[in-house]
Amino acid sequence: MIQVLIIEDEKRVAQLTQKGLIQLGYKVDVAYDGDEGLIKFNEGNIDLVICDIMLPTINGLEVSKRIRQNDKLTPILMLTALGTTDDKLEGFDSGADDYMVKPFDLRELDARIKVLLRRKLEQNDTNKQTNSYQDLTLNDDEKIAIRDGVKIKLSPKEYQLLHYMVANAERVLSRTEIAEKVWETYFDTGTNFIDVYVSYLRNKVDKPFATKLIHTRPGLGFILTSQP
């Protein structure tokens, strides 16, 4: 049985979500503040975390960061009333895998959970693979990028995006494809998330080096290639 941990200080929301997920066949535990959430996460074999951002004691972003210090794979879904682009970017950068804005539909939450759990299984299958292109190497076990011997620190989403680009080097990737493959089908393509993250990668992976690898193809998308 899949073990879900809900970290939510609004007791009615937490209890209704717990009840609904139990009816769908999940095993569900609830914590009402950040400290309690981290304790329960560390004590149990949690398969997925649903975490609010605005929490007592420790906010959800910090909870996510602390989980990610030792656990790179357990999916974290942010469930919050905050819905601006900056809020979502901050959530992804803290280590969250997905983002839902309250109020939400239980059926959509169930669908998101299934997608995240499937992704976790896929990541487990390739956990120790090393991928490379030119002088750029990605290590899926340590979740680090190395270029020309220099270690490059990336956020979880930056790493996922770069991983996909390396796996599909020398091929133009449309924004729609990136949205579906990196952010799954629930990604809001009406925002500029993809362009923002490509810019992040350029600053870290390209800017310090003579050869640029990440290029834009106007009207088409982006490509990882050593050829301009």
C-alpha atoms as a PDB file:
ATOM      1  CA  MET A   1       0.000   0.000   0.000  1.00  0.00           C
ATOM      2  CA  ILE A   2       1.295   3.451  -0.942  1.00  0.00           C
ATOM      3  CA  GLN A   3       2.159   5.544   2.149  1.00  0.00           C
ATOM      4  CA  VAL A   4       1.325   9.250   1.780  1.00  0.00           C
ATOM      5  CA  LEU A   5       2.248  11.949   4.291  1.00  0.00           C
ATOM      6  CA  ILE A   6       0.122  15.116   4.347  1.00  0.00           C
ATOM      7  CA  ILE A   7       1.721  18.136   6.043  1.00  0.00           C
ATOM      8  CA  GLU A   8      -1.059  20.701   6.373  1.00  0.00           C
ATOM      9  CA  ASP A   9      -1.978  23.017   9.254  1.00  0.00           C
ATOM     10  CA  GLU A  10      -5.589  23.558   8.151  1.00  0.00           C
ATOM     11  CA  LYS A  11      -7.121  20.566   9.931  1.00  0.00           C
ATOM     12  CA  ARG A  12     -10.305  20.458   7.856  1.00  0.00           C
ATOM     13  CA  VAL A  13      -8.334  20.419   4.583  1.00  0.00           C
ATOM     14  CA  ALA A  14      -5.914  17.824   5.956  1.00  0.00           C
ATOM     15  CA  GLN A  15      -8.664  15.536   7.268  1.00  0.00           C
ATOM     16  CA  LEU A  16     -10.801  15.757   4.126  1.00  0.00           C
ATOM     17  CA  THR A  17      -7.775  15.038   1.937  1.00  0.00           C
ATOM     18  CA  GLN A  18      -6.767  12.148   4.178  1.00  0.00           C
ATOM     19  CA  LYS A  19     -10.266  10.674   4.091  1.00  0.00           C
ATOM     20  CA  GLY A  20     -10.495  10.991   0.310  1.00  0.00           C
ATOM     21  CA  LEU A  21      -7.105   9.384  -0.333  1.00  0.00           C
ATOM     22  CA  ILE A  22      -7.849   6.522   2.062  1.00  0.00           C
ATOM     23  CA  GLN A  23     -11.029   5.825   0.101  1.00  0.00           C
ATOM     24  CA  LEU A  24      -8.872   5.680  -3.042  1.00  0.00           C
ATOM     25  CA  GLY A  25      -6.688   3.008  -1.473  1.00  0.00           C
ATOM     26  CA  TYR A  26      -3.763   4.958  -0.025  1.00  0.00           C
ATOM     27  CA  LYS A  27      -2.396   4.721   3.489  1.00  0.00           C
ATOM     28  CA  VAL A  28      -2.284   8.285   4.816  1.00  0.00           C
ATOM     29  CA  ASP A  29      -0.696   9.994   7.803  1.00  0.00           C
ATOM     30  CA  VAL A  30      -1.095  13.678   8.713  1.00  0.00           C
ATOM     31  CA  ALA A  31       1.185  16.253  10.348  1.00  0.00           C
ATOM     32  CA  TYR A  32      -0.026  19.731  11.272  1.00  0.00           C
ATOM     33  CA  ASP A  33       3.257  21.674  11.278  1.00  0.00           C
ATOM     34  CA  GLY A  34       6.703  21.505   9.655  1.00  0.00           C
ATOM     35  CA  ASP A  35       8.534  19.988  12.620  1.00  0.00           C
ATOM     36  CA  GLU A  36       5.988  17.205  13.028  1.00  0.00           C
ATOM     37  CA  GLY A  37       6.065  16.600   9.290  1.00  0.00           C
ATOM     38  CA  LEU A  38       9.841  16.089   9.249  1.00  0.00           C
ATOM     39  CA  ILE A  39       9.662  13.783  12.269  1.00  0.00           C
ATOM     40  CA  LYS A  40       6.996  11.609  10.642  1.00  0.00           C
ATOM     41  CA  PHE A  41       8.856  11.580   7.335  1.00  0.00           C
ATOM     42  CA  ASN A  42      12.056  10.418   9.005  1.00  0.00           C
ATOM     43  CA  GLU A  43      10.247   7.788  11.081  1.00  0.00           C
ATOM     44  CA  GLY A  44       8.242   6.103   8.333  1.00  0.00           C
ATOM     45  CA  ASN A  45       8.644   4.615   4.874  1.00  0.00           C
ATOM     46  CA  ILE A  46       6.935   7.488   3.078  1.00  0.00           C
ATOM     47  CA  ASP A  47       6.275   7.069  -0.647  1.00  0.00           C
ATOM     48  CA  LEU A  48       5.001  10.603  -1.321  1.00  0.00           C
ATOM     49  CA  VAL A  49       4.664  13.909   0.552  1.00  0.00           C
ATOM     50  CA  ILE A  50       1.855  16.440   0.117  1.00  0.00           C
ATOM     51  CA  CYS A  51       2.997  19.647   1.789  1.00  0.00           C
ATOM     52  CA  ASP A  52       1.474  23.082   2.282  1.00  0.00           C
ATOM     53  CA  ILE A  53       3.832  26.070   2.012  1.00  0.00           C
ATOM     54  CA  MET A  54       2.417  28.188   4.833  1.00  0.00           C
ATOM     55  CA  LEU A  55       3.091  26.028   7.905  1.00  0.00           C
ATOM     56  CA  PRO A  56       3.779  26.706  11.598  1.00  0.00           C
ATOM     57  CA  THR A  57       7.303  26.134  12.994  1.00  0.00           C
ATOM     58  CA  ILE A  58       8.962  25.429   9.629  1.00  0.00           C
ATOM     59  CA  ASN A  59       7.429  26.473   6.295  1.00  0.00           C
ATOM     60  CA  GLY A  60       6.875  23.999   3.494  1.00  0.00           C
ATOM     61  CA  LEU A  61       9.765  25.254   1.366  1.00  0.00           C
ATOM     62  CA  GLU A  62      12.220  24.579   4.188  1.00  0.00           C
ATOM     63  CA  VAL A  63      10.602  21.187   4.827  1.00  0.00           C
ATOM     64  CA  SER A  64      11.135  20.314   1.171  1.00  0.00           C
ATOM     65  CA  LYS A  65      14.770  21.444   1.249  1.00  0.00           C
ATOM     66  CA  ARG A  66      15.495  19.380   4.369  1.00  0.00           C
ATOM     67  CA  ILE A  67      13.918  16.275   2.853  1.00  0.00           C
ATOM     68  CA  ARG A  68      15.993  16.747  -0.282  1.00  0.00           C
ATOM     69  CA  GLN A  69      19.253  16.905   1.688  1.00  0.00           C
ATOM     70  CA  ASN A  70      19.128  13.136   2.174  1.00  0.00           C
ATOM     71  CA  ASP A  71      16.332  11.958  -0.111  1.00  0.00           C
ATOM     72  CA  LYS A  72      16.437  12.786  -3.817  1.00  0.00           C
ATOM     73  CA  LEU A  73      13.619  10.565  -5.029  1.00  0.00           C
ATOM     74  CA  THR A  74      10.545  10.704  -2.754  1.00  0.00           C
ATOM     75  CA  PRO A  75       8.018  12.864  -4.631  1.00  0.00           C
ATOM     76  CA  ILE A  76       6.946  16.130  -2.975  1.00  0.00           C
ATOM     77  CA  LEU A  77       3.728  17.802  -4.093  1.00  0.00           C
ATOM     78  CA  MET A  78       3.172  21.370  -2.892  1.00  0.00           C
ATOM     79  CA  LEU A  79      -0.463  22.060  -2.001  1.00  0.00           C
ATOM     80  CA  THR A  80      -1.056  25.734  -1.305  1.00  0.00           C
ATOM     81  CA  ALA A  81      -3.176  28.825  -1.776  1.00  0.00           C
ATOM     82  CA  LEU A  82      -0.220  30.656  -3.379  1.00  0.00           C
ATOM     83  CA  GLY A  83      -0.338  30.495  -7.149  1.00  0.00           C
ATOM     84  CA  THR A  84       1.923  33.104  -8.765  1.00  0.00           C
ATOM     85  CA  THR A  85       4.773  32.171 -11.096  1.00  0.00           C
ATOM     86  CA  ASP A  86       7.357  33.249  -8.527  1.00  0.00           C
ATOM     87  CA  ASP A  87       5.696  31.103  -5.848  1.00  0.00           C
ATOM     88  CA  LYS A  88       5.797  28.074  -8.133  1.00  0.00           C
ATOM     89  CA  LEU A  89       9.418  28.652  -9.115  1.00  0.00           C
ATOM     90  CA  GLU A  90      10.370  28.919  -5.450  1.00  0.00           C
ATOM     91  CA  GLY A  91       8.531  25.674  -4.735  1.00  0.00           C
ATOM     92  CA  PHE A  92      10.272  23.811  -7.548  1.00  0.00           C
ATOM     93  CA  ASP A  93      13.657  25.192  -6.511  1.00  0.00           C
ATOM     94  CA  SER A  94      13.133  23.921  -2.969  1.00  0.00           C
ATOM     95  CA  GLY A  95      12.891  20.394  -4.349  1.00  0.00           C
ATOM     96  CA  ALA A  96       9.161  20.005  -4.999  1.00  0.00           C
ATOM     97  CA  ASP A  97       8.135  17.850  -7.962  1.00  0.00           C
ATOM     98  CA  ASP A  98       4.677  19.258  -8.574  1.00  0.00           C
ATOM     99  CA  TYR A  99       2.404  22.081  -7.456  1.00  0.00           C
ATOM    100  CA  MET A 100      -1.352  22.308  -6.865  1.00  0.00           C
ATOM    101  CA  VAL A 101      -3.285  25.398  -5.899  1.00  0.00           C
ATOM    102  CA  LYS A 102      -6.180  25.245  -3.424  1.00  0.00           C
ATOM    103  CA  PRO A 103      -9.014  24.528  -3.826  1.00  0.00           C
ATOM    104  CA  PHE A 104      -8.291  21.304  -5.701  1.00  0.00           C
ATOM    105  CA  ASP A 105     -10.185  18.337  -7.063  1.00  0.00           C
ATOM    106  CA  LEU A 106      -9.444  14.988  -5.393  1.00  0.00           C
ATOM    107  CA  ARG A 107      -9.474  13.196  -8.753  1.00  0.00           C
ATOM    108  CA  GLU A 108      -6.796  15.523 -10.088  1.00  0.00           C
ATOM    109  CA  LEU A 109      -4.754  15.042  -6.916  1.00  0.00           C
ATOM    110  CA  ASP A 110      -4.990  11.266  -7.389  1.00  0.00           C
ATOM    111  CA  ALA A 111      -3.859  11.605 -11.011  1.00  0.00           C
ATOM    112  CA  ARG A 112      -0.891  13.769  -9.991  1.00  0.00           C
ATOM    113  CA  ILE A 113       0.115  11.253  -7.304  1.00  0.00           C
ATOM    114  CA  LYS A 114       0.102   8.408  -9.833  1.00  0.00           C
ATOM    115  CA  VAL A 115       2.286  10.404 -12.246  1.00  0.00           C
ATOM    116  CA  LEU A 116       4.797  11.255  -9.516  1.00  0.00           C
ATOM    117  CA  LEU A 117       4.986   7.658  -8.283  1.00  0.00           C
ATOM    118  CA  ARG A 118       5.538   6.398 -11.836  1.00  0.00           C
ATOM    119  CA  ARG A 119       8.337   8.923 -12.286  1.00  0.00           C
ATOM    120  CA  LYS A 120       9.925   7.735  -9.035  1.00  0.00           C
ATOM    121  CA  LEU A 121      10.019   4.162 -10.337  1.00  0.00           C
ATOM    122  CA  GLU A 122      11.636   5.342 -13.577  1.00  0.00           C
ATOM    123  CA  GLN A 123      14.247   7.302 -11.643  1.00  0.00           C
ATOM    124  CA  ASN A 124      15.016   4.273  -9.493  1.00  0.00           C
ATOM    125  CA  ASP A 125      15.657   2.218 -12.625  1.00  0.00           C
ATOM    126  CA  THR A 126      18.276   4.714 -13.856  1.00  0.00           C
ATOM    127  CA  ASN A 127      19.539   5.923 -10.496  1.00  0.00           C
ATOM    128  CA  LYS A 128      23.179   5.054 -11.128  1.00  0.00           C
ATOM    129  CA  GLN A 129      23.456   5.915 -14.777  1.00  0.00           C
ATOM    130  CA  THR A 130      25.987   8.494 -15.876  1.00  0.00           C
ATOM    131  CA  ASN A 131      25.110  10.562 -18.955  1.00  0.00           C
ATOM    132  CA  SER A 132      27.427  12.842 -20.851  1.00  0.00           C
ATOM    133  CA  TYR A 133      27.717  15.143 -23.833  1.00  0.00           C
ATOM    134  CA  GLN A 134      30.992  16.718 -24.925  1.00  0.00           C
ATOM    135  CA  ASP A 135      32.702  17.932 -21.710  1.00  0.00           C
ATOM    136  CA  LEU A 136      29.435  17.856 -19.714  1.00  0.00           C
ATOM    137  CA  THR A 137      28.693  14.860 -17.462  1.00  0.00           C
ATOM    138  CA  LEU A 138      25.595  14.141 -15.367  1.00  0.00           C
ATOM    139  CA  ASN A 139      25.634  11.665 -12.510  1.00  0.00           C
ATOM    140  CA  ASP A 140      22.129  10.496 -11.634  1.00  0.00           C
ATOM    141  CA  ASP A 141      23.244   8.947  -8.370  1.00  0.00           C
ATOM    142  CA  GLU A 142      24.735  12.121  -6.894  1.00  0.00           C
ATOM    143  CA  LYS A 143      22.494  14.480  -8.889  1.00  0.00           C
ATOM    144  CA  ILE A 144      25.432  16.640  -9.949  1.00  0.00           C
ATOM    145  CA  ALA A 145      26.681  18.078 -13.240  1.00  0.00           C
ATOM    146  CA  ILE A 146      30.365  18.338 -14.071  1.00  0.00           C
ATOM    147  CA  ARG A 147      31.731  20.351 -16.972  1.00  0.00           C
ATOM    148  CA  ASP A 148      35.404  20.358 -17.857  1.00  0.00           C
ATOM    149  CA  GLY A 149      36.115  19.049 -14.359  1.00  0.00           C
ATOM    150  CA  VAL A 150      34.088  21.780 -12.630  1.00  0.00           C
ATOM    151  CA  LYS A 151      31.169  20.692 -10.420  1.00  0.00           C
ATOM    152  CA  ILE A 152      27.980  22.622 -11.155  1.00  0.00           C
ATOM    153  CA  LYS A 153      25.305  22.895  -8.473  1.00  0.00           C
ATOM    154  CA  LEU A 154      21.775  22.607  -9.867  1.00  0.00           C
ATOM    155  CA  SER A 155      18.320  22.728  -8.336  1.00  0.00           C
ATOM    156  CA  PRO A 156      16.230  19.536  -8.714  1.00  0.00           C
ATOM    157  CA  LYS A 157      14.221  20.954 -11.636  1.00  0.00           C
ATOM    158  CA  GLU A 158      17.310  22.365 -13.341  1.00  0.00           C
ATOM    159  CA  TYR A 159      18.882  18.916 -13.103  1.00  0.00           C
ATOM    160  CA  GLN A 160      15.802  17.190 -14.543  1.00  0.00           C
ATOM    161  CA  LEU A 161      15.682  19.625 -17.459  1.00  0.00           C
ATOM    162  CA  LEU A 162      19.405  19.300 -18.195  1.00  0.00           C
ATOM    163  CA  HIS A 163      19.142  15.516 -17.891  1.00  0.00           C
ATOM    164  CA  TYR A 164      16.434  15.469 -20.564  1.00  0.00           C
ATOM    165  CA  MET A 165      18.419  17.766 -22.835  1.00  0.00           C
ATOM    166  CA  VAL A 166      21.550  15.614 -22.511  1.00  0.00           C
ATOM    167  CA  ALA A 167      19.538  12.464 -23.243  1.00  0.00           C
ATOM    168  CA  ASN A 168      18.216  14.175 -26.377  1.00  0.00           C
ATOM    169  CA  ALA A 169      21.335  16.059 -27.453  1.00  0.00           C
ATOM    170  CA  GLU A 170      21.538  17.294 -31.053  1.00  0.00           C
ATOM    171  CA  ARG A 171      17.728  17.340 -31.280  1.00  0.00           C
ATOM    172  CA  VAL A 172      15.475  20.383 -31.119  1.00  0.00           C
ATOM    173  CA  LEU A 173      13.092  20.149 -28.169  1.00  0.00           C
ATOM    174  CA  SER A 174       9.878  22.139 -28.350  1.00  0.00           C
ATOM    175  CA  ARG A 175       8.482  23.850 -25.285  1.00  0.00           C
ATOM    176  CA  THR A 176       5.502  21.491 -25.448  1.00  0.00           C
ATOM    177  CA  GLU A 177       7.749  18.406 -25.391  1.00  0.00           C
ATOM    178  CA  ILE A 178       9.798  19.764 -22.494  1.00  0.00           C
ATOM    179  CA  ALA A 179       6.597  20.593 -20.625  1.00  0.00           C
ATOM    180  CA  GLU A 180       5.267  17.072 -21.066  1.00  0.00           C
ATOM    181  CA  LYS A 181       8.492  15.187 -20.363  1.00  0.00           C
ATOM    182  CA  VAL A 182      10.045  17.271 -17.572  1.00  0.00           C
ATOM    183  CA  TRP A 183       6.962  18.759 -15.906  1.00  0.00           C
ATOM    184  CA  GLU A 184       4.539  16.038 -17.062  1.00  0.00           C
ATOM    185  CA  THR A 185       1.269  16.858 -18.830  1.00  0.00           C
ATOM    186  CA  TYR A 186       0.018  19.066 -15.968  1.00  0.00           C
ATOM    187  CA  PHE A 187       2.554  21.797 -16.607  1.00  0.00           C
ATOM    188  CA  ASP A 188       0.996  25.154 -17.495  1.00  0.00           C
ATOM    189  CA  THR A 189       2.545  25.958 -20.873  1.00  0.00           C
ATOM    190  CA  GLY A 190       0.964  29.405 -20.785  1.00  0.00           C
ATOM    191  CA  THR A 191       3.663  30.561 -18.380  1.00  0.00           C
ATOM    192  CA  ASN A 192       7.344  31.214 -19.101  1.00  0.00           C
ATOM    193  CA  PHE A 193       8.652  28.512 -16.747  1.00  0.00           C
ATOM    194  CA  ILE A 194      10.626  26.732 -19.464  1.00  0.00           C
ATOM    195  CA  ASP A 195      12.355  29.881 -20.678  1.00  0.00           C
ATOM    196  CA  VAL A 196      13.209  30.811 -17.091  1.00  0.00           C
ATOM    197  CA  TYR A 197      14.803  27.432 -16.415  1.00  0.00           C
ATOM    198  CA  VAL A 198      16.693  27.404 -19.722  1.00  0.00           C
ATOM    199  CA  SER A 199      18.079  30.792 -18.712  1.00  0.00           C
ATOM    200  CA  TYR A 200      19.120  29.370 -15.325  1.00  0.00           C
ATOM    201  CA  LEU A 201      20.949  26.523 -17.058  1.00  0.00           C
ATOM    202  CA  ARG A 202      22.713  28.842 -19.485  1.00  0.00           C
ATOM    203  CA  ASN A 203      24.057  30.922 -16.609  1.00  0.00           C
ATOM    204  CA  LYS A 204      25.429  27.837 -14.863  1.00  0.00           C
ATOM    205  CA  VAL A 205      26.340  25.442 -17.678  1.00  0.00           C
ATOM    206  CA  ASP A 206      27.330  27.805 -20.511  1.00  0.00           C
ATOM    207  CA  LYS A 207      28.284  31.248 -19.244  1.00  0.00           C
ATOM    208  CA  PRO A 208      31.534  30.239 -17.456  1.00  0.00           C
ATOM    209  CA  PHE A 209      32.776  28.231 -20.482  1.00  0.00           C
ATOM    210  CA  ALA A 210      34.003  29.109 -23.957  1.00  0.00           C
ATOM    211  CA  THR A 211      31.833  26.601 -25.857  1.00  0.00           C
ATOM    212  CA  LYS A 212      28.107  27.206 -25.530  1.00  0.00           C
ATOM    213  CA  LEU A 213      25.933  24.089 -25.511  1.00  0.00           C
ATOM    214  CA  ILE A 214      22.365  25.357 -24.994  1.00  0.00           C
ATOM    215  CA  HIS A 215      20.940  27.122 -28.031  1.00  0.00           C
ATOM    216  CA  THR A 216      17.568  28.571 -29.019  1.00  0.00           C
ATOM    217  CA  ARG A 217      15.988  27.750 -32.338  1.00  0.00           C
ATOM    218  CA  PRO A 218      13.521  30.614 -32.921  1.00  0.00           C
ATOM    219  CA  GLY A 219       9.981  29.393 -33.361  1.00  0.00           C
ATOM    220  CA  LEU A 220      10.995  25.798 -32.641  1.00  0.00           C
ATOM    221  CA  GLY A 221      12.485  25.432 -29.159  1.00  0.00           C
ATOM    222  CA  PHE A 222      15.873  24.583 -27.636  1.00  0.00           C
ATOM    223  CA  ILE A 223      18.739  22.259 -28.482  1.00  0.00           C
ATOM    224  CA  LEU A 224      21.821  20.971 -26.684  1.00  0.00           C
ATOM    225  CA  THR A 225      24.628  21.032 -29.238  1.00  0.00           C
ATOM    226  CA  SER A 226      28.218  22.201 -29.577  1.00  0.00           C
ATOM    227  CA  GLN A 227      27.363  23.665 -32.970  1.00  0.00           C
ATOM    228  CA  PRO A 228      25.922  27.235 -32.927  1.00  0.00           C
END
